[in-house]
Amino acid sequence: MTTESIEKEAISKPTEEPAPNVKSEPKLLDILDLELLALLKKEPRSGYDLRKDLIRIFDNRVSFGTLYPHLKDLVGAGLIVGEWEEPRHGQTRRNILHISDLGRETLKKNLTRLSKILSAIETL
């Protein structure tokens, strides 16, 4: 199975819609999700490029089999959106992922919450 086929399957499957008119606190995202949102906040990237940057910047050697389900969940939650890019010069098609406004807000709230958690831990 190629990286592109894993990406297509993981990101393009429909996900459950959140219940309408339900206001809740954003869930505390796990570290991988925060790393992904932070990378996408800087600039849009493909799943392949995200994996390279996870390794280079965060020393997170996540597999594609772990990465793409996380990306699918972030798409399903409306935190990121994907846009297929037409191939150039013999390259394969790529799904370029962008952070949404909700993703930016969720990242900010999660980082604030984690900062409070860190402060509390340091006082123990």
PDB file of N, CA and C in Angstrom:
ATOM      1  N   MET A   1       0.848  -1.172   0.000  1.00  0.00           N
ATOM      2  CA  MET A   1       0.000   0.000   0.000  1.00  0.00           C
ATOM      3  C   MET A   1       0.895   1.237   0.000  1.00  0.00           C
ATOM      4  N   THR A   2       0.619   2.170  -0.901  1.00  0.00           N
ATOM      5  CA  THR A   2       1.446   3.364  -1.005  1.00  0.00           C
ATOM      6  C   THR A   2       1.010   4.416   0.010  1.00  0.00           C
ATOM      7  N   THR A   3       1.897   5.369   0.226  1.00  0.00           N
ATOM      8  CA  THR A   3       1.584   6.474   1.138  1.00  0.00           C
ATOM      9  C   THR A   3       0.336   7.205   0.654  1.00  0.00           C
ATOM     10  N   GLU A   4       0.235   7.424  -0.663  1.00  0.00           N
ATOM     11  CA  GLU A   4      -0.931   8.135  -1.198  1.00  0.00           C
ATOM     12  C   GLU A   4      -2.210   7.354  -0.949  1.00  0.00           C
ATOM     13  N   SER A   5      -2.194   6.028  -1.123  1.00  0.00           N
ATOM     14  CA  SER A   5      -3.411   5.256  -0.905  1.00  0.00           C
ATOM     15  C   SER A   5      -3.804   5.224   0.566  1.00  0.00           C
ATOM     16  N   ILE A   6      -2.817   5.175   1.470  1.00  0.00           N
ATOM     17  CA  ILE A   6      -3.116   5.240   2.909  1.00  0.00           C
ATOM     18  C   ILE A   6      -3.734   6.590   3.223  1.00  0.00           C
ATOM     19  N   GLU A   7      -3.152   7.652   2.666  1.00  0.00           N
ATOM     20  CA  GLU A   7      -3.641   8.999   2.914  1.00  0.00           C
ATOM     21  C   GLU A   7      -5.063   9.161   2.399  1.00  0.00           C
ATOM     22  N   LYS A   8      -5.337   8.686   1.166  1.00  0.00           N
ATOM     23  CA  LYS A   8      -6.684   8.793   0.606  1.00  0.00           C
ATOM     24  C   LYS A   8      -7.698   8.093   1.482  1.00  0.00           C
ATOM     25  N   GLU A   9      -7.376   6.860   1.890  1.00  0.00           N
ATOM     26  CA  GLU A   9      -8.307   6.084   2.690  1.00  0.00           C
ATOM     27  C   GLU A   9      -8.545   6.727   4.041  1.00  0.00           C
ATOM     28  N   ALA A  10      -7.482   7.166   4.690  1.00  0.00           N
ATOM     29  CA  ALA A  10      -7.599   7.694   6.048  1.00  0.00           C
ATOM     30  C   ALA A  10      -8.292   9.044   6.088  1.00  0.00           C
ATOM     31  N   ILE A  11      -8.013   9.901   5.136  1.00  0.00           N
ATOM     32  CA  ILE A  11      -8.516  11.267   5.213  1.00  0.00           C
ATOM     33  C   ILE A  11      -9.853  11.430   4.502  1.00  0.00           C
ATOM     34  N   SER A  12     -10.145  10.622   3.487  1.00  0.00           N
ATOM     35  CA  SER A  12     -11.346  10.872   2.708  1.00  0.00           C
ATOM     36  C   SER A  12     -12.584  10.158   3.229  1.00  0.00           C
ATOM     37  N   LYS A  13     -12.446   9.236   4.166  1.00  0.00           N
ATOM     38  CA  LYS A  13     -13.622   8.560   4.704  1.00  0.00           C
ATOM     39  C   LYS A  13     -14.457   9.544   5.510  1.00  0.00           C
ATOM     40  N   PRO A  14     -15.792   9.465   5.357  1.00  0.00           N
ATOM     41  CA  PRO A  14     -16.625  10.379   6.141  1.00  0.00           C
ATOM     42  C   PRO A  14     -16.547  10.050   7.621  1.00  0.00           C
ATOM     43  N   THR A  15     -16.684  11.072   8.431  1.00  0.00           N
ATOM     44  CA  THR A  15     -16.678  10.883   9.872  1.00  0.00           C
ATOM     45  C   THR A  15     -18.010  11.330  10.428  1.00  0.00           C
ATOM     46  N   GLU A  16     -18.290  10.967  11.662  1.00  0.00           N
ATOM     47  CA  GLU A  16     -19.531  11.365  12.293  1.00  0.00           C
ATOM     48  C   GLU A  16     -19.541  12.872  12.502  1.00  0.00           C
ATOM     49  N   GLU A  17     -20.695  13.460  12.274  1.00  0.00           N
ATOM     50  CA  GLU A  17     -20.861  14.894  12.492  1.00  0.00           C
ATOM     51  C   GLU A  17     -21.123  15.140  13.975  1.00  0.00           C
ATOM     52  N   PRO A  18     -20.586  16.239  14.523  1.00  0.00           N
ATOM     53  CA  PRO A  18     -20.904  16.556  15.909  1.00  0.00           C
ATOM     54  C   PRO A  18     -22.381  16.906  16.032  1.00  0.00           C
ATOM     55  N   ALA A  19     -22.938  16.683  17.199  1.00  0.00           N
ATOM     56  CA  ALA A  19     -24.338  17.006  17.436  1.00  0.00           C
ATOM     57  C   ALA A  19     -24.545  18.508  17.276  1.00  0.00           C
ATOM     58  N   PRO A  20     -25.614  18.931  16.573  1.00  0.00           N
ATOM     59  CA  PRO A  20     -25.838  20.362  16.373  1.00  0.00           C
ATOM     60  C   PRO A  20     -26.197  21.055  17.679  1.00  0.00           C
ATOM     61  N   ASN A  21     -25.808  22.322  17.759  1.00  0.00           N
ATOM     62  CA  ASN A  21     -26.148  23.178  18.905  1.00  0.00           C
ATOM     63  C   ASN A  21     -25.635  22.652  20.245  1.00  0.00           C
ATOM     64  N   VAL A  22     -24.597  21.854  20.221  1.00  0.00           N
ATOM     65  CA  VAL A  22     -24.023  21.371  21.474  1.00  0.00           C
ATOM     66  C   VAL A  22     -22.747  22.149  21.715  1.00  0.00           C
ATOM     67  N   LYS A  23     -22.732  22.927  22.778  1.00  0.00           N
ATOM     68  CA  LYS A  23     -21.566  23.744  23.120  1.00  0.00           C
ATOM     69  C   LYS A  23     -20.795  23.017  24.210  1.00  0.00           C
ATOM     70  N   SER A  24     -19.566  22.682  23.936  1.00  0.00           N
ATOM     71  CA  SER A  24     -18.767  22.009  24.950  1.00  0.00           C
ATOM     72  C   SER A  24     -17.346  22.551  24.902  1.00  0.00           C
ATOM     73  N   GLU A  25     -16.638  22.333  25.986  1.00  0.00           N
ATOM     74  CA  GLU A  25     -15.234  22.715  26.031  1.00  0.00           C
ATOM     75  C   GLU A  25     -14.472  21.869  25.024  1.00  0.00           C
ATOM     76  N   PRO A  26     -13.499  22.459  24.337  1.00  0.00           N
ATOM     77  CA  PRO A  26     -12.707  21.633  23.429  1.00  0.00           C
ATOM     78  C   PRO A  26     -11.962  20.576  24.227  1.00  0.00           C
ATOM     79  N   LYS A  27     -11.941  19.382  23.669  1.00  0.00           N
ATOM     80  CA  LYS A  27     -11.241  18.315  24.383  1.00  0.00           C
ATOM     81  C   LYS A  27      -9.751  18.606  24.415  1.00  0.00           C
ATOM     82  N   LEU A  28      -9.100  18.087  25.437  1.00  0.00           N
ATOM     83  CA  LEU A  28      -7.656  18.226  25.525  1.00  0.00           C
ATOM     84  C   LEU A  28      -7.051  17.270  24.503  1.00  0.00           C
ATOM     85  N   LEU A  29      -6.391  17.824  23.513  1.00  0.00           N
ATOM     86  CA  LEU A  29      -5.806  17.016  22.443  1.00  0.00           C
ATOM     87  C   LEU A  29      -4.545  16.332  22.941  1.00  0.00           C
ATOM     88  N   ASP A  30      -4.201  15.220  22.308  1.00  0.00           N
ATOM     89  CA  ASP A  30      -2.950  14.573  22.691  1.00  0.00           C
ATOM     90  C   ASP A  30      -1.780  15.301  22.034  1.00  0.00           C
ATOM     91  N   ILE A  31      -0.596  14.929  22.431  1.00  0.00           N
ATOM     92  CA  ILE A  31       0.616  15.637  21.996  1.00  0.00           C
ATOM     93  C   ILE A  31       0.767  15.608  20.473  1.00  0.00           C
ATOM     94  N   LEU A  32       0.522  14.470  19.845  1.00  0.00           N
ATOM     95  CA  LEU A  32       0.660  14.382  18.394  1.00  0.00           C
ATOM     96  C   LEU A  32      -0.287  15.361  17.705  1.00  0.00           C
ATOM     97  N   ASP A  33      -1.529  15.436  18.160  1.00  0.00           N
ATOM     98  CA  ASP A  33      -2.479  16.368  17.554  1.00  0.00           C
ATOM     99  C   ASP A  33      -2.012  17.813  17.718  1.00  0.00           C
ATOM    100  N   LEU A  34      -1.479  18.143  18.884  1.00  0.00           N
ATOM    101  CA  LEU A  34      -0.965  19.503  19.111  1.00  0.00           C
ATOM    102  C   LEU A  34       0.220  19.792  18.196  1.00  0.00           C
ATOM    103  N   GLU A  35       1.101  18.816  18.035  1.00  0.00           N
ATOM    104  CA  GLU A  35       2.250  18.999  17.141  1.00  0.00           C
ATOM    105  C   GLU A  35       1.766  19.228  15.707  1.00  0.00           C
ATOM    106  N   LEU A  36       0.773  18.453  15.275  1.00  0.00           N
ATOM    107  CA  LEU A  36       0.251  18.593  13.913  1.00  0.00           C
ATOM    108  C   LEU A  36      -0.383  19.962  13.706  1.00  0.00           C
ATOM    109  N   LEU A  37      -1.206  20.389  14.650  1.00  0.00           N
ATOM    110  CA  LEU A  37      -1.838  21.707  14.522  1.00  0.00           C
ATOM    111  C   LEU A  37      -0.792  22.824  14.525  1.00  0.00           C
ATOM    112  N   ALA A  38       0.225  22.684  15.361  1.00  0.00           N
ATOM    113  CA  ALA A  38       1.282  23.701  15.413  1.00  0.00           C
ATOM    114  C   ALA A  38       2.021  23.789  14.077  1.00  0.00           C
ATOM    115  N   LEU A  39       2.321  22.647  13.480  1.00  0.00           N
ATOM    116  CA  LEU A  39       2.999  22.646  12.185  1.00  0.00           C
ATOM    117  C   LEU A  39       2.118  23.263  11.104  1.00  0.00           C
ATOM    118  N   LEU A  40       0.828  22.926  11.129  1.00  0.00           N
ATOM    119  CA  LEU A  40      -0.082  23.457  10.112  1.00  0.00           C
ATOM    120  C   LEU A  40      -0.396  24.932  10.344  1.00  0.00           C
ATOM    121  N   LYS A  41      -0.247  25.399  11.571  1.00  0.00           N
ATOM    122  CA  LYS A  41      -0.431  26.827  11.848  1.00  0.00           C
ATOM    123  C   LYS A  41       0.636  27.636  11.120  1.00  0.00           C
ATOM    124  N   LYS A  42       1.830  27.068  11.051  1.00  0.00           N
ATOM    125  CA  LYS A  42       2.929  27.768  10.378  1.00  0.00           C
ATOM    126  C   LYS A  42       2.709  27.801   8.869  1.00  0.00           C
ATOM    127  N   GLU A  43       2.341  26.647   8.284  1.00  0.00           N
ATOM    128  CA  GLU A  43       2.099  26.590   6.840  1.00  0.00           C
ATOM    129  C   GLU A  43       1.404  25.284   6.476  1.00  0.00           C
ATOM    130  N   PRO A  44       0.610  25.287   5.390  1.00  0.00           N
ATOM    131  CA  PRO A  44      -0.034  24.055   4.922  1.00  0.00           C
ATOM    132  C   PRO A  44       1.021  23.027   4.500  1.00  0.00           C
ATOM    133  N   ARG A  45       0.689  21.751   4.707  1.00  0.00           N
ATOM    134  CA  ARG A  45       1.636  20.678   4.375  1.00  0.00           C
ATOM    135  C   ARG A  45       0.862  19.425   3.976  1.00  0.00           C
ATOM    136  N   SER A  46       1.544  18.527   3.286  1.00  0.00           N
ATOM    137  CA  SER A  46       1.000  17.194   3.007  1.00  0.00           C
ATOM    138  C   SER A  46       1.281  16.297   4.210  1.00  0.00           C
ATOM    139  N   GLY A  47       0.607  15.158   4.262  1.00  0.00           N
ATOM    140  CA  GLY A  47       0.872  14.197   5.335  1.00  0.00           C
ATOM    141  C   GLY A  47       2.322  13.752   5.345  1.00  0.00           C
ATOM    142  N   TYR A  48       2.878  13.532   4.164  1.00  0.00           N
ATOM    143  CA  TYR A  48       4.274  13.116   4.053  1.00  0.00           C
ATOM    144  C   TYR A  48       5.202  14.185   4.639  1.00  0.00           C
ATOM    145  N   ASP A  49       4.938  15.453   4.287  1.00  0.00           N
ATOM    146  CA  ASP A  49       5.768  16.545   4.811  1.00  0.00           C
ATOM    147  C   ASP A  49       5.580  16.730   6.310  1.00  0.00           C
ATOM    148  N   LEU A  50       4.354  16.525   6.786  1.00  0.00           N
ATOM    149  CA  LEU A  50       4.109  16.602   8.229  1.00  0.00           C
ATOM    150  C   LEU A  50       4.955  15.578   8.969  1.00  0.00           C
ATOM    151  N   ARG A  51       4.997  14.353   8.441  1.00  0.00           N
ATOM    152  CA  ARG A  51       5.786  13.298   9.095  1.00  0.00           C
ATOM    153  C   ARG A  51       7.260  13.678   9.145  1.00  0.00           C
ATOM    154  N   LYS A  52       7.788  14.203   8.035  1.00  0.00           N
ATOM    155  CA  LYS A  52       9.193  14.628   8.028  1.00  0.00           C
ATOM    156  C   LYS A  52       9.443  15.707   9.077  1.00  0.00           C
ATOM    157  N   ASP A  53       8.521  16.672   9.190  1.00  0.00           N
ATOM    158  CA  ASP A  53       8.693  17.750  10.161  1.00  0.00           C
ATOM    159  C   ASP A  53       8.482  17.275  11.597  1.00  0.00           C
ATOM    160  N   LEU A  54       7.604  16.311  11.808  1.00  0.00           N
ATOM    161  CA  LEU A  54       7.438  15.737  13.157  1.00  0.00           C
ATOM    162  C   LEU A  54       8.755  15.137  13.636  1.00  0.00           C
ATOM    163  N   ILE A  55       9.438  14.456  12.733  1.00  0.00           N
ATOM    164  CA  ILE A  55      10.725  13.849  13.075  1.00  0.00           C
ATOM    165  C   ILE A  55      11.783  14.931  13.302  1.00  0.00           C
ATOM    166  N   ARG A  56      11.872  15.883  12.375  1.00  0.00           N
ATOM    167  CA  ARG A  56      12.916  16.908  12.420  1.00  0.00           C
ATOM    168  C   ARG A  56      12.742  17.869  13.598  1.00  0.00           C
ATOM    169  N   ILE A  57      11.534  18.318  13.838  1.00  0.00           N
ATOM    170  CA  ILE A  57      11.305  19.361  14.843  1.00  0.00           C
ATOM    171  C   ILE A  57      11.030  18.781  16.231  1.00  0.00           C
ATOM    172  N   PHE A  58      10.201  17.736  16.291  1.00  0.00           N
ATOM    173  CA  PHE A  58       9.767  17.209  17.585  1.00  0.00           C
ATOM    174  C   PHE A  58      10.410  15.871  17.947  1.00  0.00           C
ATOM    175  N   ASP A  59      11.240  15.330  17.058  1.00  0.00           N
ATOM    176  CA  ASP A  59      11.836  14.005  17.252  1.00  0.00           C
ATOM    177  C   ASP A  59      10.757  12.951  17.500  1.00  0.00           C
ATOM    178  N   ASN A  60       9.622  13.109  16.816  1.00  0.00           N
ATOM    179  CA  ASN A  60       8.496  12.193  16.926  1.00  0.00           C
ATOM    180  C   ASN A  60       8.491  11.319  15.679  1.00  0.00           C
ATOM    181  N   ARG A  61       8.920  10.083  15.826  1.00  0.00           N
ATOM    182  CA  ARG A  61       9.059   9.164  14.693  1.00  0.00           C
ATOM    183  C   ARG A  61       7.784   8.348  14.491  1.00  0.00           C
ATOM    184  N   VAL A  62       6.695   9.057  14.304  1.00  0.00           N
ATOM    185  CA  VAL A  62       5.389   8.443  14.141  1.00  0.00           C
ATOM    186  C   VAL A  62       5.310   7.731  12.784  1.00  0.00           C
ATOM    187  N   SER A  63       4.623   6.592  12.766  1.00  0.00           N
ATOM    188  CA  SER A  63       4.444   5.857  11.511  1.00  0.00           C
ATOM    189  C   SER A  63       3.283   6.467  10.724  1.00  0.00           C
ATOM    190  N   PHE A  64       3.236   6.192   9.423  1.00  0.00           N
ATOM    191  CA  PHE A  64       2.112   6.646   8.618  1.00  0.00           C
ATOM    192  C   PHE A  64       0.815   6.013   9.110  1.00  0.00           C
ATOM    193  N   GLY A  65       0.897   4.778   9.607  1.00  0.00           N
ATOM    194  CA  GLY A  65      -0.275   4.082  10.130  1.00  0.00           C
ATOM    195  C   GLY A  65      -0.852   4.737  11.376  1.00  0.00           C
ATOM    196  N   THR A  66      -0.057   5.512  12.081  1.00  0.00           N
ATOM    197  CA  THR A  66      -0.534   6.285  13.234  1.00  0.00           C
ATOM    198  C   THR A  66      -0.905   7.697  12.801  1.00  0.00           C
ATOM    199  N   LEU A  67      -0.103   8.281  11.926  1.00  0.00           N
ATOM    200  CA  LEU A  67      -0.306   9.661  11.500  1.00  0.00           C
ATOM    201  C   LEU A  67      -1.643   9.878  10.806  1.00  0.00           C
ATOM    202  N   TYR A  68      -1.948   9.068   9.790  1.00  0.00           N
ATOM    203  CA  TYR A  68      -3.137   9.337   8.987  1.00  0.00           C
ATOM    204  C   TYR A  68      -4.453   9.182   9.750  1.00  0.00           C
ATOM    205  N   PRO A  69      -4.598   8.246  10.673  1.00  0.00           N
ATOM    206  CA  PRO A  69      -5.830   8.256  11.482  1.00  0.00           C
ATOM    207  C   PRO A  69      -5.970   9.518  12.335  1.00  0.00           C
ATOM    208  N   HIS A  70      -4.853  10.047  12.838  1.00  0.00           N
ATOM    209  CA  HIS A  70      -4.913  11.308  13.587  1.00  0.00           C
ATOM    210  C   HIS A  70      -5.360  12.443  12.671  1.00  0.00           C
ATOM    211  N   LEU A  71      -4.820  12.489  11.456  1.00  0.00           N
ATOM    212  CA  LEU A  71      -5.225  13.518  10.510  1.00  0.00           C
ATOM    213  C   LEU A  71      -6.705  13.387  10.171  1.00  0.00           C
ATOM    214  N   LYS A  72      -7.175  12.158   9.986  1.00  0.00           N
ATOM    215  CA  LYS A  72      -8.598  11.926   9.703  1.00  0.00           C
ATOM    216  C   LYS A  72      -9.459  12.457  10.845  1.00  0.00           C
ATOM    217  N   ASP A  73      -9.059  12.199  12.074  1.00  0.00           N
ATOM    218  CA  ASP A  73      -9.819  12.682  13.231  1.00  0.00           C
ATOM    219  C   ASP A  73      -9.833  14.211  13.285  1.00  0.00           C
ATOM    220  N   LEU A  74      -8.696  14.840  12.978  1.00  0.00           N
ATOM    221  CA  LEU A  74      -8.625  16.304  12.980  1.00  0.00           C
ATOM    222  C   LEU A  74      -9.499  16.900  11.878  1.00  0.00           C
ATOM    223  N   VAL A  75      -9.540  16.241  10.713  1.00  0.00           N
ATOM    224  CA  VAL A  75     -10.434  16.677   9.632  1.00  0.00           C
ATOM    225  C   VAL A  75     -11.884  16.521  10.089  1.00  0.00           C
ATOM    226  N   GLY A  76     -12.204  15.369  10.671  1.00  0.00           N
ATOM    227  CA  GLY A  76     -13.570  15.105  11.127  1.00  0.00           C
ATOM    228  C   GLY A  76     -14.039  16.072  12.188  1.00  0.00           C
ATOM    229  N   ALA A  77     -13.111  16.553  13.009  1.00  0.00           N
ATOM    230  CA  ALA A  77     -13.445  17.516  14.060  1.00  0.00           C
ATOM    231  C   ALA A  77     -13.485  18.948  13.529  1.00  0.00           C
ATOM    232  N   GLY A  78     -13.144  19.137  12.249  1.00  0.00           N
ATOM    233  CA  GLY A  78     -13.154  20.467  11.662  1.00  0.00           C
ATOM    234  C   GLY A  78     -11.951  21.315  12.037  1.00  0.00           C
ATOM    235  N   LEU A  79     -10.906  20.677  12.586  1.00  0.00           N
ATOM    236  CA  LEU A  79      -9.723  21.423  13.011  1.00  0.00           C
ATOM    237  C   LEU A  79      -8.744  21.653  11.865  1.00  0.00           C
ATOM    238  N   ILE A  80      -8.788  20.777  10.862  1.00  0.00           N
ATOM    239  CA  ILE A  80      -7.975  20.951   9.657  1.00  0.00           C
ATOM    240  C   ILE A  80      -8.839  20.615   8.449  1.00  0.00           C
ATOM    241  N   VAL A  81      -8.430  21.108   7.291  1.00  0.00           N
ATOM    242  CA  VAL A  81      -9.106  20.801   6.032  1.00  0.00           C
ATOM    243  C   VAL A  81      -8.048  20.413   5.015  1.00  0.00           C
ATOM    244  N   GLY A  82      -8.429  19.558   4.096  1.00  0.00           N
ATOM    245  CA  GLY A  82      -7.514  19.114   3.060  1.00  0.00           C
ATOM    246  C   GLY A  82      -7.975  19.581   1.693  1.00  0.00           C
ATOM    247  N   GLU A  83      -7.005  19.805   0.833  1.00  0.00           N
ATOM    248  CA  GLU A  83      -7.291  20.218  -0.538  1.00  0.00           C
ATOM    249  C   GLU A  83      -6.330  19.462  -1.459  1.00  0.00           C
ATOM    250  N   TRP A  84      -6.899  18.691  -2.398  1.00  0.00           N
ATOM    251  CA  TRP A  84      -6.043  17.921  -3.303  1.00  0.00           C
ATOM    252  C   TRP A  84      -5.342  18.844  -4.280  1.00  0.00           C
ATOM    253  N   GLU A  85      -4.045  18.648  -4.395  1.00  0.00           N
ATOM    254  CA  GLU A  85      -3.207  19.436  -5.293  1.00  0.00           C
ATOM    255  C   GLU A  85      -2.920  18.583  -6.521  1.00  0.00           C
ATOM    256  N   GLU A  86      -3.074  19.159  -7.681  1.00  0.00           N
ATOM    257  CA  GLU A  86      -2.791  18.428  -8.910  1.00  0.00           C
ATOM    258  C   GLU A  86      -1.293  18.139  -9.018  1.00  0.00           C
ATOM    259  N   PRO A  87      -0.934  16.976  -9.558  1.00  0.00           N
ATOM    260  CA  PRO A  87       0.489  16.616  -9.653  1.00  0.00           C
ATOM    261  C   PRO A  87       1.256  17.537 -10.599  1.00  0.00           C
ATOM    262  N   ARG A  88       2.524  17.746 -10.240  1.00  0.00           N
ATOM    263  CA  ARG A  88       3.405  18.556 -11.071  1.00  0.00           C
ATOM    264  C   ARG A  88       4.615  17.726 -11.466  1.00  0.00           C
ATOM    265  N   HIS A  89       5.003  17.811 -12.706  1.00  0.00           N
ATOM    266  CA  HIS A  89       6.246  17.208 -13.201  1.00  0.00           C
ATOM    267  C   HIS A  89       6.416  15.757 -12.749  1.00  0.00           C
ATOM    268  N   GLY A  90       5.410  14.931 -12.976  1.00  0.00           N
ATOM    269  CA  GLY A  90       5.532  13.517 -12.676  1.00  0.00           C
ATOM    270  C   GLY A  90       5.323  13.147 -11.218  1.00  0.00           C
ATOM    271  N   GLN A  91       5.004  14.094 -10.366  1.00  0.00           N
ATOM    272  CA  GLN A  91       4.746  13.789  -8.957  1.00  0.00           C
ATOM    273  C   GLN A  91       3.350  13.189  -8.816  1.00  0.00           C
ATOM    274  N   THR A  92       3.105  12.548  -7.682  1.00  0.00           N
ATOM    275  CA  THR A  92       1.762  12.049  -7.402  1.00  0.00           C
ATOM    276  C   THR A  92       0.930  13.175  -6.798  1.00  0.00           C
ATOM    277  N   ARG A  93      -0.377  13.002  -6.867  1.00  0.00           N
ATOM    278  CA  ARG A  93      -1.284  13.976  -6.251  1.00  0.00           C
ATOM    279  C   ARG A  93      -1.051  14.021  -4.756  1.00  0.00           C
ATOM    280  N   ARG A  94      -1.175  15.208  -4.160  1.00  0.00           N
ATOM    281  CA  ARG A  94      -0.986  15.350  -2.713  1.00  0.00           C
ATOM    282  C   ARG A  94      -2.188  16.056  -2.107  1.00  0.00           C
ATOM    283  N   ASN A  95      -2.546  15.623  -0.911  1.00  0.00           N
ATOM    284  CA  ASN A  95      -3.595  16.294  -0.153  1.00  0.00           C
ATOM    285  C   ASN A  95      -2.907  17.298   0.765  1.00  0.00           C
ATOM    286  N   ILE A  96      -3.065  18.571   0.466  1.00  0.00           N
ATOM    287  CA  ILE A  96      -2.427  19.619   1.251  1.00  0.00           C
ATOM    288  C   ILE A  96      -3.385  20.006   2.378  1.00  0.00           C
ATOM    289  N   LEU A  97      -2.899  19.910   3.595  1.00  0.00           N
ATOM    290  CA  LEU A  97      -3.720  20.151   4.776  1.00  0.00           C
ATOM    291  C   LEU A  97      -3.486  21.557   5.308  1.00  0.00           C
ATOM    292  N   HIS A  98      -4.575  22.196   5.730  1.00  0.00           N
ATOM    293  CA  HIS A  98      -4.557  23.563   6.267  1.00  0.00           C
ATOM    294  C   HIS A  98      -5.240  23.545   7.626  1.00  0.00           C
ATOM    295  N   ILE A  99      -4.790  24.366   8.541  1.00  0.00           N
ATOM    296  CA  ILE A  99      -5.480  24.504   9.822  1.00  0.00           C
ATOM    297  C   ILE A  99      -6.687  25.421   9.614  1.00  0.00           C
ATOM    298  N   SER A 100      -7.801  25.089  10.244  1.00  0.00           N
ATOM    299  CA  SER A 100      -9.005  25.924  10.162  1.00  0.00           C
ATOM    300  C   SER A 100      -8.990  26.948  11.295  1.00  0.00           C
ATOM    301  N   ASP A 101      -9.927  27.890  11.241  1.00  0.00           N
ATOM    302  CA  ASP A 101     -10.046  28.858  12.337  1.00  0.00           C
ATOM    303  C   ASP A 101     -10.340  28.134  13.648  1.00  0.00           C
ATOM    304  N   LEU A 102     -11.206  27.114  13.588  1.00  0.00           N
ATOM    305  CA  LEU A 102     -11.502  26.323  14.781  1.00  0.00           C
ATOM    306  C   LEU A 102     -10.238  25.613  15.275  1.00  0.00           C
ATOM    307  N   GLY A 103      -9.406  25.140  14.344  1.00  0.00           N
ATOM    308  CA  GLY A 103      -8.151  24.499  14.720  1.00  0.00           C
ATOM    309  C   GLY A 103      -7.205  25.450  15.429  1.00  0.00           C
ATOM    310  N   ARG A 104      -7.123  26.680  14.943  1.00  0.00           N
ATOM    311  CA  ARG A 104      -6.277  27.700  15.590  1.00  0.00           C
ATOM    312  C   ARG A 104      -6.769  27.984  17.007  1.00  0.00           C
ATOM    313  N   GLU A 105      -8.087  28.140  17.138  1.00  0.00           N
ATOM    314  CA  GLU A 105      -8.681  28.424  18.439  1.00  0.00           C
ATOM    315  C   GLU A 105      -8.469  27.246  19.401  1.00  0.00           C
ATOM    316  N   THR A 106      -8.657  26.048  18.893  1.00  0.00           N
ATOM    317  CA  THR A 106      -8.488  24.847  19.718  1.00  0.00           C
ATOM    318  C   THR A 106      -7.039  24.688  20.146  1.00  0.00           C
ATOM    319  N   LEU A 107      -6.106  24.935  19.243  1.00  0.00           N
ATOM    320  CA  LEU A 107      -4.679  24.859  19.581  1.00  0.00           C
ATOM    321  C   LEU A 107      -4.360  25.859  20.689  1.00  0.00           C
ATOM    322  N   LYS A 108      -4.822  27.077  20.540  1.00  0.00           N
ATOM    323  CA  LYS A 108      -4.547  28.120  21.538  1.00  0.00           C
ATOM    324  C   LYS A 108      -5.116  27.733  22.902  1.00  0.00           C
ATOM    325  N   LYS A 109      -6.356  27.258  22.929  1.00  0.00           N
ATOM    326  CA  LYS A 109      -6.982  26.863  24.200  1.00  0.00           C
ATOM    327  C   LYS A 109      -6.257  25.673  24.828  1.00  0.00           C
ATOM    328  N   ASN A 110      -5.838  24.711  24.012  1.00  0.00           N
ATOM    329  CA  ASN A 110      -5.123  23.554  24.537  1.00  0.00           C
ATOM    330  C   ASN A 110      -3.762  23.938  25.091  1.00  0.00           C
ATOM    331  N   LEU A 111      -3.061  24.843  24.415  1.00  0.00           N
ATOM    332  CA  LEU A 111      -1.750  25.273  24.902  1.00  0.00           C
ATOM    333  C   LEU A 111      -1.886  26.055  26.204  1.00  0.00           C
ATOM    334  N   THR A 112      -2.930  26.872  26.310  1.00  0.00           N
ATOM    335  CA  THR A 112      -3.186  27.599  27.559  1.00  0.00           C
ATOM    336  C   THR A 112      -3.477  26.613  28.692  1.00  0.00           C
ATOM    337  N   ARG A 113      -4.301  25.635  28.397  1.00  0.00           N
ATOM    338  CA  ARG A 113      -4.632  24.619  29.409  1.00  0.00           C
ATOM    339  C   ARG A 113      -3.396  23.830  29.827  1.00  0.00           C
ATOM    340  N   LEU A 114      -2.574  23.443  28.858  1.00  0.00           N
ATOM    341  CA  LEU A 114      -1.349  22.704  29.181  1.00  0.00           C
ATOM    342  C   LEU A 114      -0.377  23.550  29.995  1.00  0.00           C
ATOM    343  N   SER A 115      -0.331  24.842  29.712  1.00  0.00           N
ATOM    344  CA  SER A 115       0.523  25.735  30.490  1.00  0.00           C
ATOM    345  C   SER A 115       0.083  25.766  31.954  1.00  0.00           C
ATOM    346  N   LYS A 116      -1.225  25.796  32.182  1.00  0.00           N
ATOM    347  CA  LYS A 116      -1.756  25.772  33.552  1.00  0.00           C
ATOM    348  C   LYS A 116      -1.434  24.439  34.232  1.00  0.00           C
ATOM    349  N   ILE A 117      -1.546  23.352  33.486  1.00  0.00           N
ATOM    350  CA  ILE A 117      -1.229  22.031  34.028  1.00  0.00           C
ATOM    351  C   ILE A 117       0.252  21.974  34.413  1.00  0.00           C
ATOM    352  N   LEU A 118       1.122  22.460  33.518  1.00  0.00           N
ATOM    353  CA  LEU A 118       2.553  22.479  33.788  1.00  0.00           C
ATOM    354  C   LEU A 118       2.876  23.302  35.039  1.00  0.00           C
ATOM    355  N   SER A 119       2.252  24.455  35.170  1.00  0.00           N
ATOM    356  CA  SER A 119       2.469  25.297  36.350  1.00  0.00           C
ATOM    357  C   SER A 119       2.050  24.566  37.625  1.00  0.00           C
ATOM    358  N   ALA A 120       0.915  23.882  37.561  1.00  0.00           N
ATOM    359  CA  ALA A 120       0.436  23.141  38.732  1.00  0.00           C
ATOM    360  C   ALA A 120       1.390  22.005  39.086  1.00  0.00           C
ATOM    361  N   ILE A 121       1.890  21.312  38.078  1.00  0.00           N
ATOM    362  CA  ILE A 121       2.818  20.210  38.305  1.00  0.00           C
ATOM    363  C   ILE A 121       4.109  20.727  38.936  1.00  0.00           C
ATOM    364  N   GLU A 122       4.600  21.865  38.452  1.00  0.00           N
ATOM    365  CA  GLU A 122       5.842  22.426  38.987  1.00  0.00           C
ATOM    366  C   GLU A 122       5.736  22.840  40.439  1.00  0.00           C
ATOM    367  N   THR A 123       4.522  23.111  40.911  1.00  0.00           N
ATOM    368  CA  THR A 123       4.350  23.510  42.319  1.00  0.00           C
ATOM    369  C   THR A 123       4.232  22.305  43.247  1.00  0.00           C
ATOM    370  N   LEU A 124       4.097  21.127  42.709  1.00  0.00           N
ATOM    371  CA  LEU A 124       3.949  19.924  43.551  1.00  0.00           C
ATOM    372  C   LEU A 124       5.258  19.590  44.249  1.00  0.00           C
TER     373      LEU A 124
END
